[in-house]
C-alpha atoms as a PDB file:
ATOM      1  CA  UNK A   1      14.284 -29.810-148.072  1.00  0.00           C
ATOM      2  CA  UNK A   2      16.425 -33.010-148.481  1.00  0.00           C
ATOM      3  CA  UNK A   3      19.475 -33.505-146.318  1.00  0.00           C
ATOM      4  CA  UNK A   4      22.868 -32.191-147.953  1.00  0.00           C
ATOM      5  CA  UNK A   5      26.246 -33.904-147.247  1.00  0.00           C
ATOM      6  CA  UNK A   6      29.535 -32.599-148.361  1.00  0.00           C
ATOM      7  CA  UNK A   7      32.716 -34.586-148.189  1.00  0.00           C
ATOM      8  CA  UNK A   8      35.728 -32.281-147.750  1.00  0.00           C
ATOM      9  CA  UNK A   9      39.464 -32.064-146.798  1.00  0.00           C
ATOM     10  CA  UNK A  10      41.004 -29.374-144.902  1.00  0.00           C
ATOM     11  CA  UNK A  11      43.061 -27.776-147.607  1.00  0.00           C
ATOM     12  CA  UNK A  12      40.849 -28.366-150.806  1.00  0.00           C
ATOM     13  CA  UNK A  13      39.988 -24.941-152.433  1.00  0.00           C
ATOM     14  CA  UNK A  14      37.128 -26.456-154.250  1.00  0.00           C
ATOM     15  CA  UNK A  15      35.575 -27.653-150.982  1.00  0.00           C
ATOM     16  CA  UNK A  16      35.851 -24.133-149.525  1.00  0.00           C
ATOM     17  CA  UNK A  17      34.239 -22.625-152.565  1.00  0.00           C
ATOM     18  CA  UNK A  18      31.426 -25.118-152.352  1.00  0.00           C
ATOM     19  CA  UNK A  19      30.755 -24.427-148.704  1.00  0.00           C
ATOM     20  CA  UNK A  20      30.870 -20.762-149.378  1.00  0.00           C
ATOM     21  CA  UNK A  21      28.245 -21.195-152.087  1.00  0.00           C
ATOM     22  CA  UNK A  22      25.840 -23.208-149.825  1.00  0.00           C
ATOM     23  CA  UNK A  23      26.449 -20.743-147.002  1.00  0.00           C
ATOM     24  CA  UNK A  24      25.655 -17.731-149.251  1.00  0.00           C
ATOM     25  CA  UNK A  25      22.326 -19.444-150.231  1.00  0.00           C
ATOM     26  CA  UNK A  26      21.572 -20.032-146.559  1.00  0.00           C
ATOM     27  CA  UNK A  27      21.450 -23.769-147.170  1.00  0.00           C
ATOM     28  CA  UNK A  28      22.101 -26.039-144.045  1.00  0.00           C
ATOM     29  CA  UNK A  29      24.591 -29.014-144.839  1.00  0.00           C
ATOM     30  CA  UNK A  30      26.445 -31.769-143.059  1.00  0.00           C
ATOM     31  CA  UNK A  31      30.233 -31.521-143.595  1.00  0.00           C
ATOM     32  CA  UNK A  32      32.075 -34.780-143.342  1.00  0.00           C
ATOM     33  CA  UNK A  33      35.866 -33.929-143.357  1.00  0.00           C
ATOM     34  CA  UNK A  34      37.776 -36.904-144.640  1.00  0.00           C
ATOM     35  CA  UNK A  35      40.893 -35.883-142.911  1.00  0.00           C
ATOM     36  CA  UNK A  36      39.267 -35.786-139.417  1.00  0.00           C
ATOM     37  CA  UNK A  37      38.997 -39.522-138.881  1.00  0.00           C
ATOM     38  CA  UNK A  38      40.631 -42.629-140.394  1.00  0.00           C
ATOM     39  CA  UNK A  39      38.407 -44.536-142.731  1.00  0.00           C
ATOM     40  CA  UNK A  40      36.182 -41.642-143.773  1.00  0.00           C
ATOM     41  CA  UNK A  41      37.917 -41.369-147.221  1.00  0.00           C
ATOM     42  CA  UNK A  42      37.413 -45.008-147.789  1.00  0.00           C
ATOM     43  CA  UNK A  43      33.800 -44.699-146.951  1.00  0.00           C
ATOM     44  CA  UNK A  44      33.456 -41.669-149.384  1.00  0.00           C
ATOM     45  CA  UNK A  45      35.085 -43.800-152.038  1.00  0.00           C
ATOM     46  CA  UNK A  46      32.843 -46.730-151.668  1.00  0.00           C
ATOM     47  CA  UNK A  47      29.847 -44.504-151.639  1.00  0.00           C
ATOM     48  CA  UNK A  48      30.846 -42.334-154.513  1.00  0.00           C
ATOM     49  CA  UNK A  49      33.272 -44.457-156.674  1.00  0.00           C
ATOM     50  CA  UNK A  50      35.626 -41.232-156.627  1.00  0.00           C
ATOM     51  CA  UNK A  51      38.619 -40.308-154.341  1.00  0.00           C
ATOM     52  CA  UNK A  52      38.556 -36.499-154.974  1.00  0.00           C
ATOM     53  CA  UNK A  53      36.506 -33.798-152.941  1.00  0.00           C
ATOM     54  CA  UNK A  54      34.179 -32.180-152.673  1.00  0.00           C
ATOM     55  CA  UNK A  55      31.519 -34.850-153.179  1.00  0.00           C
ATOM     56  CA  UNK A  56      28.136 -33.545-152.621  1.00  0.00           C
ATOM     57  CA  UNK A  57      24.970 -35.265-151.948  1.00  0.00           C
ATOM     58  CA  UNK A  58      21.410 -33.760-151.988  1.00  0.00           C
ATOM     59  CA  UNK A  59      19.175 -36.411-150.554  1.00  0.00           C
ATOM     60  CA  UNK A  60      20.138 -39.625-152.544  1.00  0.00           C
ATOM     61  CA  UNK A  61      21.356 -37.404-155.557  1.00  0.00           C
ATOM     62  CA  UNK A  62      25.036 -37.342-156.030  1.00  0.00           C
ATOM     63  CA  UNK A  63      25.934 -34.058-157.577  1.00  0.00           C
ATOM     64  CA  UNK A  64      28.884 -34.757-160.078  1.00  0.00           C
ATOM     65  CA  UNK A  65      30.651 -32.836-162.740  1.00  0.00           C
ATOM     66  CA  UNK A  66      30.789 -34.116-166.361  1.00  0.00           C
END
């Protein structure tokens, strides 16, 4: 299974829902909390071209809402 990364913040209700869904499905993921370290949000924005969370990657695939 490809690696899953999810960019989150401490107070984002959508992040909590996304993590709850992944947990319910028993999927292992790496959480990157952009509130935890200066520069992480900028890193996320460079990678995703978005500033909102959650941002989810499954391998190289960026999961986006349209």
